[in-house]
């Protein structure tokens, strides 16, 4: 990993831990050795993730979440640069 990711990151724009530029680059989460695609927020130092629970929403329209504890490994998702440079191929 060439760049250090923050200790805590959220996908909620109202959160103080939201970083639009970083999320646009693509952040992947490995939780207990398993790839998670429904992570709403994570904290590496405290060892937890918040994951969306189904399609349920709270009264403000935000996804219902549950906090899971365990080892968290965030990483930047690699995007194939060759495909981006030559989209016709």
N, C-alpha and C. Protein backbone atom coordinates (compact mmCIF):
# COMPACT_ATOMS: atom_id res chain seq x y z
N UNK A 1 0.85 -1.17 0.00
CA UNK A 1 0.00 0.00 0.00
C UNK A 1 0.90 1.23 0.00
N UNK A 2 0.78 2.04 -1.02
CA UNK A 2 1.66 3.19 -1.17
C UNK A 2 1.20 4.39 -0.34
N UNK A 3 -0.05 4.44 0.04
CA UNK A 3 -0.58 5.57 0.78
C UNK A 3 -1.27 5.08 2.05
N UNK A 4 -1.05 5.78 3.15
CA UNK A 4 -1.70 5.40 4.40
C UNK A 4 -3.15 5.83 4.38
N UNK A 5 -4.01 4.90 4.74
CA UNK A 5 -5.43 5.21 4.84
C UNK A 5 -5.73 5.70 6.25
N UNK A 6 -6.80 6.49 6.42
CA UNK A 6 -7.12 7.00 7.76
C UNK A 6 -7.54 5.87 8.69
N UNK A 7 -7.37 6.12 9.99
CA UNK A 7 -7.76 5.14 11.00
C UNK A 7 -9.26 4.91 10.98
N UNK A 8 -10.01 5.95 10.65
CA UNK A 8 -11.47 5.85 10.64
C UNK A 8 -12.00 6.54 9.40
N UNK A 9 -12.97 5.89 8.74
CA UNK A 9 -13.55 6.45 7.51
C UNK A 9 -15.02 6.08 7.46
N UNK A 10 -15.83 7.02 6.99
CA UNK A 10 -17.28 6.82 6.88
C UNK A 10 -17.75 7.17 5.48
N UNK A 11 -18.80 6.48 5.03
CA UNK A 11 -19.38 6.80 3.72
C UNK A 11 -20.56 7.76 3.85
N UNK A 12 -20.87 8.21 5.06
CA UNK A 12 -21.97 9.14 5.31
C UNK A 12 -21.46 10.58 5.17
N UNK A 13 -21.99 11.36 4.22
CA UNK A 13 -21.51 12.73 4.02
C UNK A 13 -21.66 13.64 5.23
N UNK A 14 -22.54 13.33 6.16
CA UNK A 14 -22.71 14.18 7.34
C UNK A 14 -21.71 13.84 8.46
N UNK A 15 -20.95 12.79 8.30
CA UNK A 15 -19.98 12.36 9.31
C UNK A 15 -18.70 13.19 9.23
N UNK A 16 -18.05 13.47 10.37
CA UNK A 16 -16.76 14.17 10.32
C UNK A 16 -15.65 13.28 9.76
N UNK A 17 -15.89 11.99 9.61
CA UNK A 17 -14.88 11.06 9.10
C UNK A 17 -15.08 10.76 7.61
N UNK A 18 -15.91 11.54 6.93
CA UNK A 18 -16.19 11.37 5.51
C UNK A 18 -15.09 12.01 4.68
N UNK A 19 -14.60 11.31 3.65
CA UNK A 19 -13.58 11.85 2.75
C UNK A 19 -13.96 11.46 1.32
N UNK A 20 -14.59 12.39 0.61
CA UNK A 20 -15.12 12.11 -0.72
C UNK A 20 -14.03 11.72 -1.71
N UNK A 21 -12.90 12.41 -1.68
CA UNK A 21 -11.82 12.12 -2.63
C UNK A 21 -11.27 10.71 -2.43
N UNK A 22 -11.11 10.31 -1.20
CA UNK A 22 -10.60 8.98 -0.91
C UNK A 22 -11.60 7.90 -1.29
N UNK A 23 -12.87 8.12 -1.01
CA UNK A 23 -13.90 7.14 -1.36
C UNK A 23 -14.04 7.01 -2.88
N UNK A 24 -13.81 8.10 -3.62
CA UNK A 24 -13.89 8.06 -5.08
C UNK A 24 -12.78 7.20 -5.66
N UNK A 25 -11.63 7.15 -4.99
CA UNK A 25 -10.52 6.31 -5.45
C UNK A 25 -10.82 4.83 -5.26
N UNK A 26 -11.69 4.52 -4.29
CA UNK A 26 -12.06 3.14 -4.04
C UNK A 26 -11.31 2.56 -2.84
N UNK A 27 -12.02 2.36 -1.76
CA UNK A 27 -11.44 1.77 -0.56
C UNK A 27 -12.11 0.42 -0.33
N UNK A 28 -11.31 -0.61 -0.22
CA UNK A 28 -11.82 -1.94 0.08
C UNK A 28 -11.60 -2.25 1.54
N UNK A 29 -12.45 -3.11 2.10
CA UNK A 29 -12.35 -3.49 3.51
C UNK A 29 -12.28 -5.00 3.60
N UNK A 30 -11.26 -5.47 4.32
CA UNK A 30 -11.15 -6.88 4.64
C UNK A 30 -11.39 -7.00 6.15
N UNK A 31 -12.47 -7.68 6.53
CA UNK A 31 -12.85 -7.82 7.93
C UNK A 31 -12.78 -9.29 8.31
N UNK A 32 -11.92 -9.62 9.26
CA UNK A 32 -11.67 -11.01 9.68
C UNK A 32 -11.26 -11.86 8.48
N UNK A 33 -10.50 -11.27 7.56
CA UNK A 33 -10.00 -11.98 6.39
C UNK A 33 -10.98 -12.15 5.26
N UNK A 34 -12.18 -11.55 5.36
CA UNK A 34 -13.22 -11.68 4.34
C UNK A 34 -13.52 -10.30 3.75
N UNK A 35 -13.61 -10.22 2.42
CA UNK A 35 -13.97 -8.97 1.75
C UNK A 35 -15.40 -8.58 2.11
N UNK A 36 -15.60 -7.34 2.50
CA UNK A 36 -16.93 -6.81 2.79
C UNK A 36 -17.24 -5.68 1.82
N UNK A 37 -18.43 -5.73 1.24
CA UNK A 37 -18.82 -4.68 0.29
C UNK A 37 -19.90 -3.77 0.84
N UNK A 38 -20.45 -4.08 2.02
CA UNK A 38 -21.54 -3.29 2.58
C UNK A 38 -21.12 -2.51 3.81
N UNK A 39 -19.85 -2.14 3.91
CA UNK A 39 -19.33 -1.40 5.06
C UNK A 39 -19.69 0.08 4.93
N UNK A 40 -20.33 0.62 5.95
CA UNK A 40 -20.69 2.04 5.98
C UNK A 40 -19.62 2.87 6.68
N UNK A 41 -18.93 2.28 7.66
CA UNK A 41 -17.91 2.99 8.44
C UNK A 41 -16.98 1.96 9.06
N UNK A 42 -15.71 2.35 9.26
CA UNK A 42 -14.77 1.45 9.93
C UNK A 42 -13.85 2.23 10.84
N UNK A 43 -13.25 1.53 11.81
CA UNK A 43 -12.23 2.09 12.68
C UNK A 43 -11.19 1.00 12.93
N UNK A 44 -9.96 1.21 12.46
CA UNK A 44 -8.92 0.21 12.58
C UNK A 44 -8.43 0.09 14.02
N UNK A 45 -8.17 1.22 14.69
CA UNK A 45 -7.59 1.18 16.03
C UNK A 45 -8.54 0.55 17.06
N UNK A 46 -9.85 0.76 16.90
CA UNK A 46 -10.81 0.17 17.83
C UNK A 46 -11.28 -1.20 17.35
N UNK A 47 -10.99 -1.57 16.10
CA UNK A 47 -11.30 -2.89 15.58
C UNK A 47 -12.78 -3.15 15.37
N UNK A 48 -13.45 -2.30 14.60
CA UNK A 48 -14.87 -2.51 14.30
C UNK A 48 -15.23 -1.96 12.93
N UNK A 49 -16.34 -2.48 12.41
CA UNK A 49 -16.94 -1.97 11.18
C UNK A 49 -18.44 -1.83 11.41
N UNK A 50 -19.05 -0.91 10.70
CA UNK A 50 -20.52 -0.80 10.67
C UNK A 50 -20.95 -1.25 9.30
N UNK A 51 -21.80 -2.27 9.26
CA UNK A 51 -22.28 -2.80 7.99
C UNK A 51 -23.78 -2.60 7.88
N UNK A 52 -24.23 -2.39 6.65
CA UNK A 52 -25.66 -2.22 6.39
C UNK A 52 -26.37 -3.55 6.60
N UNK A 53 -27.57 -3.48 7.17
CA UNK A 53 -28.37 -4.67 7.44
C UNK A 53 -29.51 -4.70 6.43
N UNK A 54 -29.35 -5.52 5.41
CA UNK A 54 -30.40 -5.63 4.38
C UNK A 54 -30.67 -4.30 3.71
N UNK A 55 -31.93 -4.08 3.38
CA UNK A 55 -32.33 -2.84 2.72
C UNK A 55 -33.12 -1.93 3.66
N UNK A 56 -33.12 -2.26 4.95
CA UNK A 56 -33.87 -1.48 5.92
C UNK A 56 -33.28 -0.08 6.07
N UNK A 57 -34.14 0.90 6.27
CA UNK A 57 -33.73 2.30 6.45
C UNK A 57 -34.30 2.82 7.76
N UNK A 58 -33.58 3.77 8.37
CA UNK A 58 -34.13 4.41 9.56
C UNK A 58 -35.05 5.54 9.11
N UNK A 59 -35.63 6.27 10.06
CA UNK A 59 -36.62 7.29 9.66
C UNK A 59 -36.00 8.49 8.96
N UNK A 60 -34.68 8.63 9.01
CA UNK A 60 -34.01 9.69 8.27
C UNK A 60 -33.60 9.23 6.87
N UNK A 61 -33.86 7.96 6.54
CA UNK A 61 -33.53 7.45 5.23
C UNK A 61 -32.14 6.84 5.11
N UNK A 62 -31.42 6.77 6.23
CA UNK A 62 -30.09 6.17 6.24
C UNK A 62 -30.20 4.66 6.43
N UNK A 63 -29.24 3.90 5.91
CA UNK A 63 -29.31 2.44 6.09
C UNK A 63 -29.16 2.05 7.55
N UNK A 64 -29.92 1.03 7.96
CA UNK A 64 -29.77 0.48 9.30
C UNK A 64 -28.44 -0.27 9.33
N UNK A 65 -27.68 -0.09 10.42
CA UNK A 65 -26.36 -0.72 10.50
C UNK A 65 -26.22 -1.49 11.80
N UNK A 66 -25.24 -2.40 11.80
CA UNK A 66 -24.86 -3.13 12.99
C UNK A 66 -23.34 -3.04 13.10
N UNK A 67 -22.84 -2.93 14.34
CA UNK A 67 -21.41 -2.81 14.57
C UNK A 67 -20.84 -4.20 14.85
N UNK A 68 -19.82 -4.59 14.06
CA UNK A 68 -19.15 -5.87 14.23
C UNK A 68 -17.72 -5.61 14.68
N UNK A 69 -17.23 -6.41 15.63
CA UNK A 69 -15.88 -6.23 16.15
C UNK A 69 -14.96 -7.32 15.65
N UNK A 70 -13.74 -6.93 15.31
CA UNK A 70 -12.73 -7.84 14.82
C UNK A 70 -11.65 -7.08 14.08
N UNK A 71 -10.66 -7.79 13.54
CA UNK A 71 -9.58 -7.11 12.81
C UNK A 71 -10.07 -6.52 11.50
N UNK A 72 -9.68 -5.26 11.26
CA UNK A 72 -10.10 -4.51 10.06
C UNK A 72 -8.86 -4.17 9.24
N UNK A 73 -8.89 -4.46 7.94
CA UNK A 73 -7.79 -4.15 7.04
C UNK A 73 -8.31 -3.35 5.85
N UNK A 74 -8.19 -2.01 5.88
CA UNK A 74 -8.59 -1.22 4.71
C UNK A 74 -7.47 -1.20 3.67
N UNK A 75 -7.82 -1.07 2.41
CA UNK A 75 -6.84 -0.98 1.34
C UNK A 75 -7.44 -0.21 0.18
N UNK A 76 -6.58 0.35 -0.65
CA UNK A 76 -7.02 1.04 -1.86
C UNK A 76 -7.23 -0.01 -2.93
N UNK A 77 -8.37 0.05 -3.59
CA UNK A 77 -8.66 -0.90 -4.66
C UNK A 77 -7.87 -0.52 -5.89
N UNK A 78 -7.21 -1.49 -6.48
CA UNK A 78 -6.43 -1.25 -7.69
C UNK A 78 -7.34 -1.25 -8.90
N UNK A 79 -7.22 -0.20 -9.68
CA UNK A 79 -7.99 -0.11 -10.91
C UNK A 79 -7.01 -0.34 -12.06
N UNK A 80 -7.35 -1.21 -12.99
CA UNK A 80 -6.43 -1.46 -14.11
C UNK A 80 -6.18 -0.19 -14.91
N UNK A 81 -4.95 0.29 -14.86
CA UNK A 81 -4.61 1.53 -15.55
C UNK A 81 -4.53 1.32 -17.06
N UNK A 82 -4.17 0.12 -17.49
CA UNK A 82 -4.09 -0.15 -18.93
C UNK A 82 -5.46 -0.02 -19.58
N UNK A 83 -6.50 -0.46 -18.89
CA UNK A 83 -7.86 -0.36 -19.43
C UNK A 83 -8.33 1.09 -19.45
N UNK A 84 -7.88 1.91 -18.49
CA UNK A 84 -8.28 3.30 -18.46
C UNK A 84 -7.58 4.10 -19.55
N UNK A 85 -6.31 3.76 -19.84
CA UNK A 85 -5.57 4.49 -20.84
C UNK A 85 -6.04 4.18 -22.25
N UNK A 86 -6.45 2.95 -22.50
CA UNK A 86 -6.85 2.53 -23.83
C UNK A 86 -8.23 1.90 -23.78
N UNK A 87 -9.31 2.71 -23.71
CA UNK A 87 -10.66 2.16 -23.57
C UNK A 87 -11.16 1.46 -24.83
N UNK A 88 -10.51 1.71 -26.00
CA UNK A 88 -10.97 1.09 -27.24
C UNK A 88 -10.54 -0.37 -27.36
N UNK A 89 -9.51 -0.77 -26.63
CA UNK A 89 -8.99 -2.14 -26.74
C UNK A 89 -9.85 -3.14 -26.03
